[in-house]
């Protein structure tokens, strides 16, 4: 039986395999991470409880540590609530941590930044990796990619790398504090850290960097895109399955 005392605010960290889900954000049809978690909360508390995520991830995108919060009265301890909420969720969704936080904590508005990672396989990825990388099966001009990554680092207007240019933003300037590019064998990993990201910005940056490596863009053209704020067809949106939300910074 659910305790009727004063509600607490709960901060949760969840990992999920986005394969087969329609993203994080609730939508008609219910095949989203948010919908499944809220369904379990309703079973526990016998009422509708909305959760607030740190941000949305698209269909097919994965997360090591998505953060969300909700308000509910519970007196049996955080771990028991975590286990109760985990019960019934598929194995592809795992609640990693849950704890009480101050009443004014907000998973989205208190975030100071996020870290994303994108995996590209230069060869033909095997069946156990294909859902978690962009299987490019092409070689890249490595020096050109590294020069382009250097151009993108820092505070810029990333309008040209937004996947939804008609969306209303207070500002499209973001501080890309980190853009690391590492290669091990045929696996290339792009790591992005910024104070915030525009819609599909990481996938657009990855697509642009890959096209630099394929000779379809140059680092100088990347610089002009930042200056001119105009997206061009060579800025492709990388497929979703290679993208992972790694961490939310508070």
C-alpha atoms as a PDB file:
ATOM      1  CA  UNK A   1       0.000   0.000   0.000  1.00  0.00           C
ATOM      2  CA  UNK A   2       1.375   3.386  -0.982  1.00  0.00           C
ATOM      3  CA  UNK A   3       2.114   5.810   1.841  1.00  0.00           C
ATOM      4  CA  UNK A   4       0.166   9.079   1.641  1.00  0.00           C
ATOM      5  CA  UNK A   5       2.795  11.299   3.286  1.00  0.00           C
ATOM      6  CA  UNK A   6       4.285  14.382   1.673  1.00  0.00           C
ATOM      7  CA  UNK A   7       5.776  13.605  -1.777  1.00  0.00           C
ATOM      8  CA  UNK A   8       9.538  13.562  -2.272  1.00  0.00           C
ATOM      9  CA  UNK A   9      11.396  14.393  -5.451  1.00  0.00           C
ATOM     10  CA  UNK A  10      13.339  11.438  -6.833  1.00  0.00           C
ATOM     11  CA  UNK A  11      16.333  11.683  -9.150  1.00  0.00           C
ATOM     12  CA  UNK A  12      16.875   8.585 -11.284  1.00  0.00           C
ATOM     13  CA  UNK A  13      19.578   7.457 -13.680  1.00  0.00           C
ATOM     14  CA  UNK A  14      18.532   4.960 -16.340  1.00  0.00           C
ATOM     15  CA  UNK A  15      20.412   3.100 -19.068  1.00  0.00           C
ATOM     16  CA  UNK A  16      18.676   1.707 -22.107  1.00  0.00           C
ATOM     17  CA  UNK A  17      19.195   0.018 -25.427  1.00  0.00           C
ATOM     18  CA  UNK A  18      17.176   2.173 -27.802  1.00  0.00           C
ATOM     19  CA  UNK A  19      16.826  -0.557 -30.444  1.00  0.00           C
ATOM     20  CA  UNK A  20      13.145  -1.129 -31.111  1.00  0.00           C
ATOM     21  CA  UNK A  21      11.937   1.868 -29.085  1.00  0.00           C
ATOM     22  CA  UNK A  22      10.471   5.082 -30.469  1.00  0.00           C
ATOM     23  CA  UNK A  23      12.855   7.208 -28.457  1.00  0.00           C
ATOM     24  CA  UNK A  24      12.638   8.638 -24.956  1.00  0.00           C
ATOM     25  CA  UNK A  25       9.746  11.076 -25.130  1.00  0.00           C
ATOM     26  CA  UNK A  26       6.169   9.931 -24.579  1.00  0.00           C
ATOM     27  CA  UNK A  27       4.050   9.666 -27.707  1.00  0.00           C
ATOM     28  CA  UNK A  28       0.938   8.007 -29.010  1.00  0.00           C
ATOM     29  CA  UNK A  29       1.479   4.271 -29.253  1.00  0.00           C
ATOM     30  CA  UNK A  30       3.436   3.988 -26.009  1.00  0.00           C
ATOM     31  CA  UNK A  31       6.609   2.333 -27.345  1.00  0.00           C
ATOM     32  CA  UNK A  32       8.930   4.836 -25.672  1.00  0.00           C
ATOM     33  CA  UNK A  33      11.174   4.670 -22.615  1.00  0.00           C
ATOM     34  CA  UNK A  34       9.167   7.368 -20.819  1.00  0.00           C
ATOM     35  CA  UNK A  35       5.863   5.596 -21.471  1.00  0.00           C
ATOM     36  CA  UNK A  36       7.099   2.294 -20.057  1.00  0.00           C
ATOM     37  CA  UNK A  37       8.519   3.887 -16.906  1.00  0.00           C
ATOM     38  CA  UNK A  38       5.358   5.908 -16.316  1.00  0.00           C
ATOM     39  CA  UNK A  39       3.249   2.790 -16.791  1.00  0.00           C
ATOM     40  CA  UNK A  40       5.194   1.081 -13.984  1.00  0.00           C
ATOM     41  CA  UNK A  41       4.909   4.144 -11.739  1.00  0.00           C
ATOM     42  CA  UNK A  42       1.141   4.071 -12.199  1.00  0.00           C
ATOM     43  CA  UNK A  43       1.074   0.428 -11.083  1.00  0.00           C
ATOM     44  CA  UNK A  44       3.100   1.265  -7.972  1.00  0.00           C
ATOM     45  CA  UNK A  45       1.268   4.421  -6.911  1.00  0.00           C
ATOM     46  CA  UNK A  46      -2.149   3.781  -8.459  1.00  0.00           C
ATOM     47  CA  UNK A  47      -2.147   7.180 -10.149  1.00  0.00           C
ATOM     48  CA  UNK A  48      -0.589   8.905 -13.128  1.00  0.00           C
ATOM     49  CA  UNK A  49       2.908  10.234 -12.390  1.00  0.00           C
ATOM     50  CA  UNK A  50       4.762  12.206 -15.033  1.00  0.00           C
ATOM     51  CA  UNK A  51       8.522  12.005 -15.226  1.00  0.00           C
ATOM     52  CA  UNK A  52      10.776  14.816 -16.462  1.00  0.00           C
ATOM     53  CA  UNK A  53      13.852  13.777 -18.435  1.00  0.00           C
ATOM     54  CA  UNK A  54      17.086  15.682 -18.902  1.00  0.00           C
ATOM     55  CA  UNK A  55      16.391  15.670 -22.632  1.00  0.00           C
ATOM     56  CA  UNK A  56      14.990  13.469 -25.352  1.00  0.00           C
ATOM     57  CA  UNK A  57      16.754  10.820 -27.363  1.00  0.00           C
ATOM     58  CA  UNK A  58      15.432   9.813 -30.776  1.00  0.00           C
ATOM     59  CA  UNK A  59      14.198   6.458 -31.965  1.00  0.00           C
ATOM     60  CA  UNK A  60      17.054   3.934 -31.949  1.00  0.00           C
ATOM     61  CA  UNK A  61      19.407   6.080 -29.825  1.00  0.00           C
ATOM     62  CA  UNK A  62      20.883   4.537 -26.658  1.00  0.00           C
ATOM     63  CA  UNK A  63      21.755   5.872 -23.211  1.00  0.00           C
ATOM     64  CA  UNK A  64      24.289   4.892 -20.572  1.00  0.00           C
ATOM     65  CA  UNK A  65      22.953   7.465 -18.101  1.00  0.00           C
ATOM     66  CA  UNK A  66      19.774   9.337 -18.933  1.00  0.00           C
ATOM     67  CA  UNK A  67      18.487  11.322 -15.930  1.00  0.00           C
ATOM     68  CA  UNK A  68      14.868  11.937 -14.964  1.00  0.00           C
ATOM     69  CA  UNK A  69      12.914  13.021 -11.893  1.00  0.00           C
ATOM     70  CA  UNK A  70       9.421  12.601 -10.501  1.00  0.00           C
ATOM     71  CA  UNK A  71       7.489  13.384  -7.320  1.00  0.00           C
ATOM     72  CA  UNK A  72       5.927  10.680  -5.146  1.00  0.00           C
ATOM     73  CA  UNK A  73       5.400   9.788  -1.491  1.00  0.00           C
ATOM     74  CA  UNK A  74       7.357   6.669  -0.502  1.00  0.00           C
ATOM     75  CA  UNK A  75       8.700   5.687   2.913  1.00  0.00           C
ATOM     76  CA  UNK A  76      10.365   2.332   2.237  1.00  0.00           C
ATOM     77  CA  UNK A  77      13.744   3.573   1.009  1.00  0.00           C
ATOM     78  CA  UNK A  78      15.166   4.478  -2.364  1.00  0.00           C
ATOM     79  CA  UNK A  79      16.475   1.031  -3.247  1.00  0.00           C
ATOM     80  CA  UNK A  80      13.109  -0.625  -2.663  1.00  0.00           C
ATOM     81  CA  UNK A  81      11.475   1.966  -4.894  1.00  0.00           C
ATOM     82  CA  UNK A  82      14.121   1.417  -7.556  1.00  0.00           C
ATOM     83  CA  UNK A  83      13.534  -2.340  -7.458  1.00  0.00           C
ATOM     84  CA  UNK A  84       9.767  -1.903  -7.558  1.00  0.00           C
ATOM     85  CA  UNK A  85      10.033   0.382 -10.578  1.00  0.00           C
ATOM     86  CA  UNK A  86      12.489  -1.953 -12.317  1.00  0.00           C
ATOM     87  CA  UNK A  87      10.069  -4.874 -11.986  1.00  0.00           C
ATOM     88  CA  UNK A  88       8.205  -5.296 -15.244  1.00  0.00           C
ATOM     89  CA  UNK A  89      10.598  -3.233 -17.329  1.00  0.00           C
ATOM     90  CA  UNK A  90      12.302  -5.095 -20.194  1.00  0.00           C
ATOM     91  CA  UNK A  91      15.930  -6.118 -19.844  1.00  0.00           C
ATOM     92  CA  UNK A  92      16.841  -3.383 -22.324  1.00  0.00           C
ATOM     93  CA  UNK A  93      15.942  -0.735 -19.702  1.00  0.00           C
ATOM     94  CA  UNK A  94      17.904  -0.677 -16.428  1.00  0.00           C
ATOM     95  CA  UNK A  95      17.420   1.737 -13.550  1.00  0.00           C
ATOM     96  CA  UNK A  96      20.956   2.306 -12.266  1.00  0.00           C
ATOM     97  CA  UNK A  97      20.403   4.672  -9.333  1.00  0.00           C
ATOM     98  CA  UNK A  98      17.577   6.443  -7.532  1.00  0.00           C
ATOM     99  CA  UNK A  99      17.740   8.910  -4.650  1.00  0.00           C
ATOM    100  CA  UNK A 100      15.819  11.682  -2.955  1.00  0.00           C
ATOM    101  CA  UNK A 101      16.862  15.192  -3.969  1.00  0.00           C
ATOM    102  CA  UNK A 102      15.861  18.725  -3.034  1.00  0.00           C
ATOM    103  CA  UNK A 103      12.293  19.654  -4.035  1.00  0.00           C
ATOM    104  CA  UNK A 104      13.395  22.198  -6.636  1.00  0.00           C
ATOM    105  CA  UNK A 105      15.803  19.885  -8.502  1.00  0.00           C
ATOM    106  CA  UNK A 106      14.976  19.633 -12.207  1.00  0.00           C
ATOM    107  CA  UNK A 107      16.559  16.984 -14.436  1.00  0.00           C
ATOM    108  CA  UNK A 108      16.478  19.241 -17.493  1.00  0.00           C
ATOM    109  CA  UNK A 109      16.852  22.811 -16.256  1.00  0.00           C
ATOM    110  CA  UNK A 110      19.584  22.064 -13.692  1.00  0.00           C
ATOM    111  CA  UNK A 111      21.787  20.274 -16.235  1.00  0.00           C
ATOM    112  CA  UNK A 112      25.069  22.105 -16.928  1.00  0.00           C
ATOM    113  CA  UNK A 113      25.977  19.979 -19.900  1.00  0.00           C
ATOM    114  CA  UNK A 114      25.839  16.582 -21.542  1.00  0.00           C
ATOM    115  CA  UNK A 115      28.284  14.052 -22.949  1.00  0.00           C
ATOM    116  CA  UNK A 116      27.449  11.984 -26.021  1.00  0.00           C
ATOM    117  CA  UNK A 117      29.463   9.344 -27.832  1.00  0.00           C
ATOM    118  CA  UNK A 118      29.077   8.184 -31.410  1.00  0.00           C
ATOM    119  CA  UNK A 119      30.590   4.957 -32.780  1.00  0.00           C
ATOM    120  CA  UNK A 120      31.544   4.458 -36.426  1.00  0.00           C
ATOM    121  CA  UNK A 121      32.817   1.164 -37.842  1.00  0.00           C
ATOM    122  CA  UNK A 122      35.007   1.690 -40.881  1.00  0.00           C
ATOM    123  CA  UNK A 123      34.684  -1.908 -41.989  1.00  0.00           C
ATOM    124  CA  UNK A 124      31.626  -4.106 -42.115  1.00  0.00           C
ATOM    125  CA  UNK A 125      30.343  -4.424 -38.552  1.00  0.00           C
ATOM    126  CA  UNK A 126      29.511  -7.916 -37.355  1.00  0.00           C
ATOM    127  CA  UNK A 127      25.931  -8.840 -36.300  1.00  0.00           C
ATOM    128  CA  UNK A 128      26.695  -8.133 -32.628  1.00  0.00           C
ATOM    129  CA  UNK A 129      27.782  -4.539 -33.296  1.00  0.00           C
ATOM    130  CA  UNK A 130      25.581  -3.410 -36.152  1.00  0.00           C
ATOM    131  CA  UNK A 131      22.822  -2.076 -33.849  1.00  0.00           C
ATOM    132  CA  UNK A 132      25.344   0.050 -31.942  1.00  0.00           C
ATOM    133  CA  UNK A 133      27.415   1.781 -34.619  1.00  0.00           C
ATOM    134  CA  UNK A 134      27.346   3.314 -38.081  1.00  0.00           C
ATOM    135  CA  UNK A 135      28.726   0.543 -40.278  1.00  0.00           C
ATOM    136  CA  UNK A 136      30.397   2.732 -42.865  1.00  0.00           C
ATOM    137  CA  UNK A 137      32.554   0.148 -44.639  1.00  0.00           C
ATOM    138  CA  UNK A 138      34.769   2.960 -45.960  1.00  0.00           C
ATOM    139  CA  UNK A 139      38.171   4.416 -45.045  1.00  0.00           C
ATOM    140  CA  UNK A 140      38.444   8.034 -43.881  1.00  0.00           C
ATOM    141  CA  UNK A 141      41.005  10.769 -44.456  1.00  0.00           C
ATOM    142  CA  UNK A 142      42.121  10.767 -40.840  1.00  0.00           C
ATOM    143  CA  UNK A 143      44.163  14.034 -40.815  1.00  0.00           C
ATOM    144  CA  UNK A 144      41.275  15.947 -42.417  1.00  0.00           C
ATOM    145  CA  UNK A 145      38.824  14.637 -39.814  1.00  0.00           C
ATOM    146  CA  UNK A 146      41.101  15.770 -36.976  1.00  0.00           C
ATOM    147  CA  UNK A 147      41.467  19.261 -38.481  1.00  0.00           C
ATOM    148  CA  UNK A 148      37.685  19.578 -38.893  1.00  0.00           C
ATOM    149  CA  UNK A 149      37.141  18.462 -35.290  1.00  0.00           C
ATOM    150  CA  UNK A 150      39.492  21.213 -34.131  1.00  0.00           C
ATOM    151  CA  UNK A 151      37.459  23.775 -36.115  1.00  0.00           C
ATOM    152  CA  UNK A 152      34.230  22.665 -34.417  1.00  0.00           C
ATOM    153  CA  UNK A 153      35.512  22.834 -30.841  1.00  0.00           C
ATOM    154  CA  UNK A 154      34.601  25.891 -28.835  1.00  0.00           C
ATOM    155  CA  UNK A 155      31.682  28.319 -28.689  1.00  0.00           C
ATOM    156  CA  UNK A 156      29.909  28.703 -32.032  1.00  0.00           C
ATOM    157  CA  UNK A 157      26.487  29.183 -33.549  1.00  0.00           C
ATOM    158  CA  UNK A 158      25.599  25.603 -34.540  1.00  0.00           C
ATOM    159  CA  UNK A 159      22.423  26.476 -36.455  1.00  0.00           C
ATOM    160  CA  UNK A 160      23.757  24.707 -39.576  1.00  0.00           C
ATOM    161  CA  UNK A 161      24.105  21.501 -37.564  1.00  0.00           C
ATOM    162  CA  UNK A 162      20.580  21.439 -36.186  1.00  0.00           C
ATOM    163  CA  UNK A 163      18.240  18.816 -37.567  1.00  0.00           C
ATOM    164  CA  UNK A 164      15.230  21.088 -37.201  1.00  0.00           C
ATOM    165  CA  UNK A 165      16.028  24.588 -38.404  1.00  0.00           C
ATOM    166  CA  UNK A 166      12.460  25.824 -38.048  1.00  0.00           C
ATOM    167  CA  UNK A 167      12.470  25.088 -34.336  1.00  0.00           C
ATOM    168  CA  UNK A 168      12.400  28.084 -31.996  1.00  0.00           C
ATOM    169  CA  UNK A 169      15.537  28.363 -29.851  1.00  0.00           C
ATOM    170  CA  UNK A 170      16.391  31.163 -27.478  1.00  0.00           C
ATOM    171  CA  UNK A 171      19.875  30.854 -28.943  1.00  0.00           C
ATOM    172  CA  UNK A 172      21.624  28.372 -31.209  1.00  0.00           C
ATOM    173  CA  UNK A 173      25.050  29.196 -29.757  1.00  0.00           C
ATOM    174  CA  UNK A 174      26.563  26.273 -27.892  1.00  0.00           C
ATOM    175  CA  UNK A 175      29.933  25.738 -26.231  1.00  0.00           C
ATOM    176  CA  UNK A 176      31.337  22.481 -27.603  1.00  0.00           C
ATOM    177  CA  UNK A 177      33.833  22.061 -24.798  1.00  0.00           C
ATOM    178  CA  UNK A 178      35.111  18.701 -25.967  1.00  0.00           C
ATOM    179  CA  UNK A 179      35.237  16.867 -29.271  1.00  0.00           C
ATOM    180  CA  UNK A 180      37.563  13.893 -29.055  1.00  0.00           C
ATOM    181  CA  UNK A 181      38.156  11.592 -32.015  1.00  0.00           C
ATOM    182  CA  UNK A 182      39.767   8.244 -31.281  1.00  0.00           C
ATOM    183  CA  UNK A 183      40.456   5.293 -33.510  1.00  0.00           C
ATOM    184  CA  UNK A 184      41.137   1.727 -32.476  1.00  0.00           C
ATOM    185  CA  UNK A 185      41.381  -0.652 -35.409  1.00  0.00           C
ATOM    186  CA  UNK A 186      38.284  -0.141 -37.525  1.00  0.00           C
ATOM    187  CA  UNK A 187      36.307   1.510 -34.721  1.00  0.00           C
ATOM    188  CA  UNK A 188      36.200   5.317 -34.592  1.00  0.00           C
ATOM    189  CA  UNK A 189      34.649   6.991 -31.552  1.00  0.00           C
ATOM    190  CA  UNK A 190      33.555  10.628 -31.464  1.00  0.00           C
ATOM    191  CA  UNK A 191      32.983  12.055 -27.965  1.00  0.00           C
ATOM    192  CA  UNK A 192      31.082  15.331 -27.627  1.00  0.00           C
ATOM    193  CA  UNK A 193      30.646  17.446 -24.480  1.00  0.00           C
ATOM    194  CA  UNK A 194      28.778  20.750 -24.533  1.00  0.00           C
ATOM    195  CA  UNK A 195      26.697  22.992 -22.335  1.00  0.00           C
ATOM    196  CA  UNK A 196      23.748  21.898 -24.458  1.00  0.00           C
ATOM    197  CA  UNK A 197      22.898  20.422 -27.847  1.00  0.00           C
ATOM    198  CA  UNK A 198      20.459  21.360 -30.577  1.00  0.00           C
ATOM    199  CA  UNK A 199      18.072  18.793 -31.995  1.00  0.00           C
ATOM    200  CA  UNK A 200      20.090  16.097 -33.826  1.00  0.00           C
ATOM    201  CA  UNK A 201      23.216  18.221 -33.436  1.00  0.00           C
ATOM    202  CA  UNK A 202      25.522  15.328 -32.468  1.00  0.00           C
ATOM    203  CA  UNK A 203      24.357  13.181 -35.372  1.00  0.00           C
ATOM    204  CA  UNK A 204      24.738  16.153 -37.760  1.00  0.00           C
ATOM    205  CA  UNK A 205      28.252  16.903 -36.519  1.00  0.00           C
ATOM    206  CA  UNK A 206      29.168  13.244 -36.894  1.00  0.00           C
ATOM    207  CA  UNK A 207      27.744  13.123 -40.414  1.00  0.00           C
ATOM    208  CA  UNK A 208      29.704  16.235 -41.358  1.00  0.00           C
ATOM    209  CA  UNK A 209      32.944  14.856 -39.922  1.00  0.00           C
ATOM    210  CA  UNK A 210      32.465  11.576 -41.781  1.00  0.00           C
ATOM    211  CA  UNK A 211      31.896  13.478 -45.025  1.00  0.00           C
ATOM    212  CA  UNK A 212      35.091  15.424 -44.397  1.00  0.00           C
ATOM    213  CA  UNK A 213      36.811  12.062 -44.094  1.00  0.00           C
ATOM    214  CA  UNK A 214      35.223  10.946 -47.363  1.00  0.00           C
ATOM    215  CA  UNK A 215      36.335  14.096 -49.192  1.00  0.00           C
ATOM    216  CA  UNK A 216      32.806  15.499 -49.584  1.00  0.00           C
ATOM    217  CA  UNK A 217      33.501  18.429 -47.241  1.00  0.00           C
ATOM    218  CA  UNK A 218      36.630  20.303 -46.203  1.00  0.00           C
ATOM    219  CA  UNK A 219      37.576  21.780 -42.838  1.00  0.00           C
ATOM    220  CA  UNK A 220      37.354  25.246 -44.431  1.00  0.00           C
ATOM    221  CA  UNK A 221      33.770  24.533 -45.479  1.00  0.00           C
ATOM    222  CA  UNK A 222      32.992  23.469 -41.906  1.00  0.00           C
ATOM    223  CA  UNK A 223      34.249  26.857 -40.718  1.00  0.00           C
ATOM    224  CA  UNK A 224      32.048  28.620 -43.289  1.00  0.00           C
ATOM    225  CA  UNK A 225      29.005  26.646 -42.155  1.00  0.00           C
ATOM    226  CA  UNK A 226      29.530  27.883 -38.610  1.00  0.00           C
ATOM    227  CA  UNK A 227      29.857  31.448 -39.867  1.00  0.00           C
ATOM    228  CA  UNK A 228      27.050  31.455 -42.450  1.00  0.00           C
ATOM    229  CA  UNK A 229      24.486  29.475 -40.419  1.00  0.00           C
ATOM    230  CA  UNK A 230      23.199  27.669 -43.482  1.00  0.00           C
ATOM    231  CA  UNK A 231      22.905  23.903 -43.658  1.00  0.00           C
ATOM    232  CA  UNK A 232      23.933  22.181 -46.879  1.00  0.00           C
ATOM    233  CA  UNK A 233      23.204  18.625 -48.126  1.00  0.00           C
ATOM    234  CA  UNK A 234      26.734  17.450 -47.276  1.00  0.00           C
ATOM    235  CA  UNK A 235      25.832  17.846 -43.585  1.00  0.00           C
ATOM    236  CA  UNK A 236      24.093  14.496 -43.319  1.00  0.00           C
ATOM    237  CA  UNK A 237      22.432  13.160 -40.189  1.00  0.00           C
ATOM    238  CA  UNK A 238      24.279  10.064 -39.013  1.00  0.00           C
ATOM    239  CA  UNK A 239      22.065   7.034 -38.309  1.00  0.00           C
ATOM    240  CA  UNK A 240      20.665   6.824 -34.761  1.00  0.00           C
ATOM    241  CA  UNK A 241      22.020   3.457 -33.661  1.00  0.00           C
ATOM    242  CA  UNK A 242      25.609   4.693 -33.264  1.00  0.00           C
ATOM    243  CA  UNK A 243      24.675   7.389 -30.737  1.00  0.00           C
ATOM    244  CA  UNK A 244      24.864   7.014 -26.949  1.00  0.00           C
ATOM    245  CA  UNK A 245      23.990   9.536 -24.254  1.00  0.00           C
ATOM    246  CA  UNK A 246      26.905   8.993 -21.865  1.00  0.00           C
ATOM    247  CA  UNK A 247      26.393  11.441 -19.010  1.00  0.00           C
ATOM    248  CA  UNK A 248      24.396  14.446 -17.843  1.00  0.00           C
ATOM    249  CA  UNK A 249      26.474  17.030 -15.990  1.00  0.00           C
ATOM    250  CA  UNK A 250      25.101  18.901 -12.966  1.00  0.00           C
END
